[in-house]
Amino acid sequence: MRCPTCEREFSSAETTAMPFCSERCRLIDLGRWLDEAISLPVVPDPDADEVPEQIEPGDDQ
């Protein structure tokens, strides 16, 4: 297998942090999600009642 964080090849039998090669790589990936550096794409629901709020550049909310 190849670690999705560092791309190092490793054996799945050698790690307790699957699908990562180490706990360190697992925590790096978690940090990226929490910082919103990576995310899943959001597809707006055309039937939703709510209209997404547009944030203008320079708005401090």
C-alpha atoms as a PDB file:
ATOM      1  CA  MET A   1       0.000   0.000   0.000  1.00  0.00           C
ATOM      2  CA  ARG A   2       0.945   3.642  -0.371  1.00  0.00           C
ATOM      3  CA  CYS A   3       0.316   6.211   2.395  1.00  0.00           C
ATOM      4  CA  PRO A   4      -2.051   8.977   1.199  1.00  0.00           C
ATOM      5  CA  THR A   5      -0.118  11.590   3.220  1.00  0.00           C
ATOM      6  CA  CYS A   6       3.572  10.903   2.581  1.00  0.00           C
ATOM      7  CA  GLU A   7       3.150   8.458  -0.346  1.00  0.00           C
ATOM      8  CA  ARG A   8       5.596   6.008   1.254  1.00  0.00           C
ATOM      9  CA  GLU A   9       4.989   2.336   0.503  1.00  0.00           C
ATOM     10  CA  PHE A  10       4.186   0.226   3.563  1.00  0.00           C
ATOM     11  CA  SER A  11       2.640  -3.084   4.554  1.00  0.00           C
ATOM     12  CA  SER A  12      -0.835  -2.922   6.066  1.00  0.00           C
ATOM     13  CA  ALA A  13       0.305  -5.486   8.644  1.00  0.00           C
ATOM     14  CA  GLU A  14       2.957  -3.039   9.936  1.00  0.00           C
ATOM     15  CA  THR A  15       0.665  -0.139  10.917  1.00  0.00           C
ATOM     16  CA  THR A  16      -2.071   0.528  13.448  1.00  0.00           C
ATOM     17  CA  ALA A  17      -3.095   3.733  11.656  1.00  0.00           C
ATOM     18  CA  MET A  18      -4.652   2.348   8.472  1.00  0.00           C
ATOM     19  CA  PRO A  19      -4.837   3.623   5.761  1.00  0.00           C
ATOM     20  CA  PHE A  20      -1.784   5.648   6.816  1.00  0.00           C
ATOM     21  CA  CYS A  21       1.752   4.375   7.381  1.00  0.00           C
ATOM     22  CA  SER A  22       1.974   5.957  10.843  1.00  0.00           C
ATOM     23  CA  GLU A  23       0.082   7.855  13.517  1.00  0.00           C
ATOM     24  CA  ARG A  24       2.003  10.971  12.450  1.00  0.00           C
ATOM     25  CA  CYS A  25       0.631  10.805   8.890  1.00  0.00           C
ATOM     26  CA  ARG A  26      -2.872  10.152  10.245  1.00  0.00           C
ATOM     27  CA  LEU A  27      -2.675  13.297  12.403  1.00  0.00           C
ATOM     28  CA  ILE A  28      -1.304  15.376   9.513  1.00  0.00           C
ATOM     29  CA  ASP A  29      -4.308  14.311   7.414  1.00  0.00           C
ATOM     30  CA  LEU A  30      -6.717  15.100  10.259  1.00  0.00           C
ATOM     31  CA  GLY A  31      -5.162  18.560  10.620  1.00  0.00           C
ATOM     32  CA  ARG A  32      -5.685  19.230   6.915  1.00  0.00           C
ATOM     33  CA  TRP A  33      -9.394  18.371   7.251  1.00  0.00           C
ATOM     34  CA  LEU A  34      -9.796  20.482  10.393  1.00  0.00           C
ATOM     35  CA  ASP A  35      -8.037  23.462   8.774  1.00  0.00           C
ATOM     36  CA  GLU A  36     -10.327  22.956   5.743  1.00  0.00           C
ATOM     37  CA  ALA A  37      -7.283  22.640   3.482  1.00  0.00           C
ATOM     38  CA  ILE A  38      -9.103  19.641   2.013  1.00  0.00           C
ATOM     39  CA  SER A  39     -12.832  19.018   1.899  1.00  0.00           C
ATOM     40  CA  LEU A  40     -15.581  17.261   0.029  1.00  0.00           C
ATOM     41  CA  PRO A  41     -17.271  19.254  -2.733  1.00  0.00           C
ATOM     42  CA  VAL A  42     -20.724  20.579  -1.879  1.00  0.00           C
ATOM     43  CA  VAL A  43     -23.394  20.383  -4.535  1.00  0.00           C
ATOM     44  CA  PRO A  44     -26.253  22.789  -3.775  1.00  0.00           C
ATOM     45  CA  ASP A  45     -29.690  21.214  -3.533  1.00  0.00           C
ATOM     46  CA  PRO A  46     -31.969  23.046  -6.012  1.00  0.00           C
ATOM     47  CA  ASP A  47     -34.997  22.125  -3.879  1.00  0.00           C
ATOM     48  CA  ALA A  48     -33.542  23.546  -0.661  1.00  0.00           C
ATOM     49  CA  ASP A  49     -35.367  26.474   0.929  1.00  0.00           C
ATOM     50  CA  GLU A  50     -32.176  28.134   2.100  1.00  0.00           C
ATOM     51  CA  VAL A  51     -30.134  30.328  -0.204  1.00  0.00           C
ATOM     52  CA  PRO A  52     -26.386  30.223   0.532  1.00  0.00           C
ATOM     53  CA  GLU A  53     -25.137  33.530   1.894  1.00  0.00           C
ATOM     54  CA  GLN A  54     -22.651  35.306  -0.332  1.00  0.00           C
ATOM     55  CA  ILE A  55     -19.634  36.639   1.542  1.00  0.00           C
ATOM     56  CA  GLU A  56     -18.107  39.708  -0.045  1.00  0.00           C
ATOM     57  CA  PRO A  57     -14.330  40.166   0.069  1.00  0.00           C
ATOM     58  CA  GLY A  58     -13.400  42.326   3.017  1.00  0.00           C
ATOM     59  CA  ASP A  59     -16.500  41.466   5.054  1.00  0.00           C
ATOM     60  CA  ASP A  60     -15.559  40.796   8.660  1.00  0.00           C
ATOM     61  CA  GLN A  61     -18.115  38.433  10.102  1.00  0.00           C
END
